Amino acid sequence: MQFGKALRGGRETVVAVERGLVYPLDLGRNPAVRTLADLLHAPDPVATARELLDTSVTADRLETTQFRSPVDQQEVWAAGVTYKRSKIAREEESVGAAQFYDKVYSAPRPELFLKATPARVVAPGSPVRVRTDATWSVPEPELALVISPAGTIVGYTIGNDMSSRDIEGENPLYLPQAKIYRGSCSVGPLVTPAALMPELPGVEIRLVIARGGSTAFEGSTTLAQMARTVESLAEWLFKENEFPHGALLLTGTGIVPPDDFTLKSGDDVIITIAGIGTLRNPVA
């Protein structure tokens, strides 16, 4: 069973997904569960969802459902340089600051930064953007952790951390402008509860960028290539910090297109993570 938010009759509804069918949940049955986040933060989300299944309506099919981002009031944060491939790419794009990327890759303390507020998160199927003042832009396909206010990883979803590599490469202090702008983050479509996720090291992440009816780039990696554990990243995020609504944390990318590749308007970014599903966004 997975969870998310979908449009039904023009209204955003919390849903459970099982065997290709999308079931609305009747949140009125449990006063402690008013949002998707409440469900995910419950002691047993799957058992709670079964109690809330609305059997009075017909389930929708997964492939015809319009999903929204599975974010309520949580901030979306991101971790950088957690894969060796990412470390090498950052060193190549920013020669003058290569030593800093090397140091953060092997340091106990990870690179963490705020990626998006809830209102800035792009829904699955909606357009992501490249900056008009950038010349080298790429998507970064990432496993996203769904973390409770207590700092516990309760689920996993898919994140697209859009990045302007030329801006960050010019000066690492430009990181916020390279990473945080309108249409730079998409998350979803579904959350897989932590207890139902496959063993993480073997989980594959795949990126396909379609352009004009053909594949412009494709690549894959596995979570075994991460230099840090997801538990460590969550622990660092919550160190000396509080998240009363919980948080989402993108865990870095191990898939980097070649240096001569940049996204173009009309491209289609397709990110698939085993055990979760596929996040798809056109480029505006």
Protein backbone atom coordinates (compact mmCIF):
# COMPACT_ATOMS: atom_id res chain seq x y z
CA MET A 1 0.00 0.00 0.00
CA GLN A 2 1.13 3.53 -0.87
CA PHE A 3 -0.29 6.94 -0.05
CA GLY A 4 -0.72 10.26 -1.80
CA LYS A 5 -3.03 13.08 -2.71
CA ALA A 6 -5.17 13.11 -5.84
CA LEU A 7 -7.85 15.20 -7.48
CA ARG A 8 -11.32 13.66 -7.32
CA GLY A 9 -14.23 15.73 -8.57
CA GLY A 10 -12.03 18.80 -8.53
CA ARG A 11 -11.11 18.33 -4.88
CA GLU A 12 -7.77 17.29 -3.43
CA THR A 13 -8.23 14.01 -1.57
CA VAL A 14 -5.92 11.81 0.51
CA VAL A 15 -5.75 8.40 -1.14
CA ALA A 16 -4.34 4.92 -0.65
CA VAL A 17 -3.03 2.94 -3.64
CA GLU A 18 -3.05 -0.83 -3.80
CA ARG A 19 -2.80 -3.24 -6.73
CA GLY A 20 -3.20 -0.47 -9.31
CA LEU A 21 -6.33 1.02 -7.73
CA VAL A 22 -6.66 4.37 -5.97
CA TYR A 23 -8.98 4.48 -2.95
CA PRO A 24 -10.11 7.71 -1.29
CA LEU A 25 -9.78 7.89 2.49
CA ASP A 26 -12.55 9.24 4.70
CA LEU A 27 -10.55 11.39 7.12
CA GLY A 28 -13.73 12.31 9.00
CA ARG A 29 -13.64 8.93 10.75
CA ASN A 30 -10.52 9.75 12.76
CA PRO A 31 -10.13 13.19 14.36
CA ALA A 32 -6.38 12.63 14.70
CA VAL A 33 -5.93 12.25 10.94
CA ARG A 34 -6.75 15.43 9.01
CA THR A 35 -3.98 15.40 6.41
CA LEU A 36 -1.72 13.04 4.52
CA ALA A 37 1.09 14.02 6.89
CA ASP A 38 -1.04 13.00 9.88
CA LEU A 39 -1.53 9.58 8.28
CA LEU A 40 2.16 9.14 7.49
CA HIS A 41 3.16 10.15 11.01
CA ALA A 42 0.73 7.69 12.63
CA PRO A 43 2.24 4.68 14.49
CA ASP A 44 0.91 2.30 11.80
CA PRO A 45 -0.06 4.19 8.62
CA VAL A 46 -1.23 1.10 6.75
CA ALA A 47 -3.56 -0.07 9.53
CA THR A 48 -4.88 3.47 9.96
CA ALA A 49 -5.52 3.77 6.21
CA ARG A 50 -7.50 0.52 6.14
CA GLU A 51 -9.76 1.92 8.84
CA LEU A 52 -10.32 5.04 6.71
CA LEU A 53 -10.95 3.40 3.33
CA ASP A 54 -14.10 4.86 1.82
CA THR A 55 -15.84 1.78 0.43
CA SER A 56 -18.91 3.78 -0.62
CA VAL A 57 -17.19 5.12 -3.76
CA THR A 58 -15.60 3.38 -6.73
CA ALA A 59 -11.83 3.24 -6.79
CA ASP A 60 -9.96 4.98 -9.61
CA ARG A 61 -7.32 3.40 -11.80
CA LEU A 62 -3.75 4.39 -11.08
CA GLU A 63 -2.90 5.33 -14.66
CA THR A 64 -5.83 7.75 -15.02
CA THR A 65 -5.47 9.49 -11.64
CA GLN A 66 -4.20 13.07 -11.40
CA PHE A 67 -1.90 13.14 -8.40
CA ARG A 68 -0.79 16.17 -6.42
CA SER A 69 2.49 16.45 -4.52
CA PRO A 70 2.39 14.46 -1.26
CA VAL A 71 3.36 17.54 0.74
CA ASP A 72 1.27 19.39 3.32
CA GLN A 73 3.12 21.92 5.48
CA GLN A 74 6.55 20.25 5.41
CA GLU A 75 9.60 22.09 4.17
CA VAL A 76 11.62 20.30 1.48
CA TRP A 77 15.36 20.13 2.14
CA ALA A 78 18.14 18.58 0.09
CA ALA A 79 21.53 16.98 0.61
CA GLY A 80 24.39 17.44 -1.83
CA VAL A 81 27.48 15.49 -2.91
CA THR A 82 26.29 12.19 -1.44
CA TYR A 83 27.35 10.11 -4.48
CA LYS A 84 30.86 9.92 -5.94
CA ARG A 85 29.47 10.76 -9.39
CA SER A 86 28.03 13.97 -8.00
CA LYS A 87 31.31 14.82 -6.28
CA ILE A 88 33.23 14.43 -9.55
CA ALA A 89 30.69 16.52 -11.46
CA ARG A 90 30.82 19.34 -8.92
CA GLU A 91 34.63 19.33 -9.02
CA GLU A 92 34.58 19.53 -12.83
CA GLU A 93 32.07 22.37 -12.98
CA SER A 94 33.78 24.47 -10.30
CA VAL A 95 37.54 23.95 -10.62
CA GLY A 96 38.43 26.73 -8.21
CA ALA A 97 36.33 25.19 -5.44
CA ALA A 98 36.95 21.49 -6.18
CA GLN A 99 38.62 20.94 -2.83
CA PHE A 100 35.46 21.90 -0.97
CA TYR A 101 33.34 19.30 -2.78
CA ASP A 102 35.98 16.68 -2.07
CA LYS A 103 35.99 17.63 1.61
CA VAL A 104 32.21 17.60 2.05
CA TYR A 105 31.93 14.22 0.32
CA SER A 106 34.12 12.59 2.95
CA ALA A 107 33.35 14.82 5.97
CA PRO A 108 31.11 13.62 8.82
CA ARG A 109 28.84 16.68 8.31
CA PRO A 110 26.84 16.58 5.03
CA GLU A 111 25.87 19.48 2.81
CA LEU A 112 22.24 20.39 3.58
CA PHE A 113 20.13 23.21 2.18
CA LEU A 114 16.51 24.28 2.01
CA LYS A 115 15.13 23.36 -1.42
CA ALA A 116 11.49 24.47 -1.36
CA THR A 117 8.62 25.61 0.81
CA PRO A 118 5.36 23.65 0.34
CA ALA A 119 3.81 26.25 -1.97
CA ARG A 120 6.84 26.08 -4.28
CA VAL A 121 6.68 22.33 -4.88
CA VAL A 122 5.61 21.40 -8.41
CA ALA A 123 2.99 18.64 -8.69
CA PRO A 124 3.59 15.49 -10.73
CA GLY A 125 2.76 16.16 -14.37
CA SER A 126 3.13 19.92 -14.00
CA PRO A 127 6.01 21.83 -15.59
CA VAL A 128 9.36 22.32 -13.92
CA ARG A 129 11.53 25.20 -15.09
CA VAL A 130 15.08 26.16 -15.95
CA ARG A 131 16.32 29.63 -15.02
CA THR A 132 16.29 32.11 -17.89
CA ASP A 133 19.71 33.40 -16.76
CA ALA A 134 21.27 29.91 -16.80
CA THR A 135 22.92 28.16 -19.73
CA TRP A 136 23.51 24.70 -18.24
CA SER A 137 20.56 23.13 -16.43
CA VAL A 138 19.84 19.53 -15.47
CA PRO A 139 17.36 17.53 -13.39
CA GLU A 140 18.69 15.63 -10.40
CA PRO A 141 16.69 12.45 -9.68
CA GLU A 142 16.72 11.71 -5.96
CA LEU A 143 15.21 9.48 -3.31
CA ALA A 144 13.21 11.70 -0.95
CA LEU A 145 12.81 10.86 2.72
CA VAL A 146 9.51 11.62 4.43
CA ILE A 147 10.42 12.40 8.04
CA SER A 148 8.10 12.81 11.03
CA PRO A 149 8.34 15.68 13.55
CA ALA A 150 10.20 13.23 15.82
CA GLY A 151 12.91 12.79 13.17
CA THR A 152 11.85 9.27 12.13
CA ILE A 153 11.86 8.25 8.47
CA VAL A 154 8.26 7.16 7.87
CA GLY A 155 8.25 6.88 4.09
CA TYR A 156 9.97 7.42 0.76
CA THR A 157 9.00 9.27 -2.40
CA ILE A 158 10.68 10.70 -5.53
CA GLY A 159 12.25 14.14 -5.86
CA ASN A 160 13.49 16.18 -8.83
CA ASP A 161 16.10 18.69 -7.69
CA MET A 162 16.38 20.99 -10.72
CA SER A 163 19.82 22.62 -10.83
CA SER A 164 21.63 25.33 -12.78
CA ARG A 165 25.13 23.89 -13.00
CA ASP A 166 26.75 26.92 -14.60
CA ILE A 167 25.55 29.23 -11.81
CA GLU A 168 26.77 26.96 -9.03
CA GLY A 169 30.00 26.31 -10.93
CA GLU A 170 30.72 30.01 -11.21
CA ASN A 171 30.78 30.34 -7.43
CA PRO A 172 29.60 27.87 -4.74
CA LEU A 173 28.10 30.81 -2.85
CA TYR A 174 25.56 31.03 -5.68
CA LEU A 175 24.13 27.64 -4.63
CA PRO A 176 20.77 29.09 -3.45
CA GLN A 177 20.23 30.74 -6.84
CA ALA A 178 21.28 27.59 -8.70
CA LYS A 179 18.98 25.39 -6.64
CA ILE A 180 16.09 27.46 -5.29
CA TYR A 181 13.92 29.24 -7.83
CA ARG A 182 10.40 29.11 -9.24
CA GLY A 183 9.61 25.63 -10.55
CA SER A 184 12.87 24.07 -9.33
CA CYS A 185 11.46 21.21 -7.23
CA SER A 186 8.98 18.45 -7.91
CA VAL A 187 8.03 15.67 -5.49
CA GLY A 188 5.75 12.64 -5.77
CA PRO A 189 3.54 11.14 -6.84
CA LEU A 190 3.27 8.52 -4.07
CA VAL A 191 4.79 7.78 -0.69
CA THR A 192 5.82 4.22 0.11
CA PRO A 193 5.75 3.56 3.88
CA ALA A 194 9.19 2.81 5.28
CA ALA A 195 8.14 -0.69 6.37
CA LEU A 196 7.08 -1.58 2.80
CA MET A 197 10.13 -0.24 0.95
CA PRO A 198 12.55 -2.78 -0.59
CA GLU A 199 16.03 -3.06 0.93
CA LEU A 200 17.56 0.30 0.09
CA PRO A 201 21.01 -0.69 -1.25
CA GLY A 202 19.44 -2.59 -4.13
CA VAL A 203 16.90 0.09 -5.05
CA GLU A 204 17.47 1.44 -8.56
CA ILE A 205 16.95 5.07 -9.59
CA ARG A 206 16.47 5.66 -13.31
CA LEU A 207 16.34 8.94 -15.25
CA VAL A 208 15.06 9.36 -18.80
CA ILE A 209 14.93 12.73 -20.55
CA ALA A 210 12.74 12.63 -23.65
CA ARG A 211 13.04 15.24 -26.39
CA GLY A 212 11.04 15.42 -29.60
CA GLY A 213 9.81 11.85 -29.34
CA SER A 214 13.20 10.28 -28.67
CA THR A 215 15.51 9.77 -25.69
CA ALA A 216 17.99 12.62 -25.23
CA PHE A 217 19.57 11.09 -22.11
CA GLU A 218 19.11 8.14 -19.83
CA GLY A 219 21.02 6.84 -16.86
CA SER A 220 20.64 4.82 -13.69
CA THR A 221 22.24 4.15 -10.33
CA THR A 222 21.44 2.32 -7.12
CA LEU A 223 21.27 3.49 -3.55
CA ALA A 224 24.28 1.29 -2.82
CA GLN A 225 26.34 4.07 -4.44
CA MET A 226 25.40 6.56 -1.71
CA ALA A 227 28.29 7.50 0.56
CA ARG A 228 25.95 8.17 3.50
CA THR A 229 23.01 6.36 5.06
CA VAL A 230 19.54 7.85 4.93
CA GLU A 231 19.36 7.62 8.72
CA SER A 232 22.50 9.73 9.04
CA LEU A 233 21.14 12.40 6.69
CA ALA A 234 17.88 12.59 8.65
CA GLU A 235 19.77 12.83 11.91
CA TRP A 236 21.92 15.71 10.63
CA LEU A 237 18.88 17.57 9.31
CA PHE A 238 17.20 17.46 12.72
CA LYS A 239 20.35 18.32 14.65
CA GLU A 240 19.78 21.67 16.43
CA ASN A 241 16.58 22.13 14.42
CA GLU A 242 12.85 21.55 14.80
CA PHE A 243 10.26 20.57 12.20
CA PRO A 244 6.82 20.64 13.85
CA HIS A 245 5.17 19.46 10.60
CA GLY A 246 7.93 17.03 9.70
CA ALA A 247 10.14 17.44 6.63
CA LEU A 248 11.06 15.96 3.28
CA LEU A 249 14.73 15.46 2.50
CA LEU A 250 16.12 14.85 -1.00
CA THR A 251 19.18 12.64 -0.63
CA GLY A 252 21.38 13.65 -3.57
CA THR A 253 21.89 12.29 -7.06
CA GLY A 254 24.17 9.72 -8.61
CA ILE A 255 23.02 10.41 -12.18
CA VAL A 256 24.61 13.37 -13.96
CA PRO A 257 24.17 14.02 -17.72
CA PRO A 258 27.31 14.82 -19.72
CA ASP A 259 28.73 18.33 -19.63
CA ASP A 260 27.46 19.17 -23.12
CA PHE A 261 23.86 18.40 -22.15
CA THR A 262 21.35 20.99 -20.95
CA LEU A 263 17.59 20.82 -20.58
CA LYS A 264 15.41 22.54 -23.16
CA SER A 265 11.85 23.75 -23.13
CA GLY A 266 9.56 20.90 -24.11
CA ASP A 267 11.75 18.14 -22.65
CA ASP A 268 10.07 15.47 -20.55
CA VAL A 269 11.83 14.44 -17.31
CA ILE A 270 10.95 10.91 -16.17
CA ILE A 271 12.32 9.61 -12.85
CA THR A 272 11.58 6.06 -11.72
CA ILE A 273 12.56 4.59 -8.35
CA ALA A 274 11.97 0.93 -7.62
CA GLY A 275 9.40 0.40 -4.89
CA ILE A 276 7.86 3.86 -5.36
CA GLY A 277 6.92 4.53 -8.98
CA THR A 278 7.50 7.27 -11.56
CA LEU A 279 7.61 11.05 -11.30
CA ARG A 280 7.14 12.79 -14.64
CA ASN A 281 7.37 16.51 -15.38
CA PRO A 282 7.58 18.44 -18.64
CA VAL A 283 10.03 21.33 -18.84
CA ALA A 284 8.25 24.67 -19.24
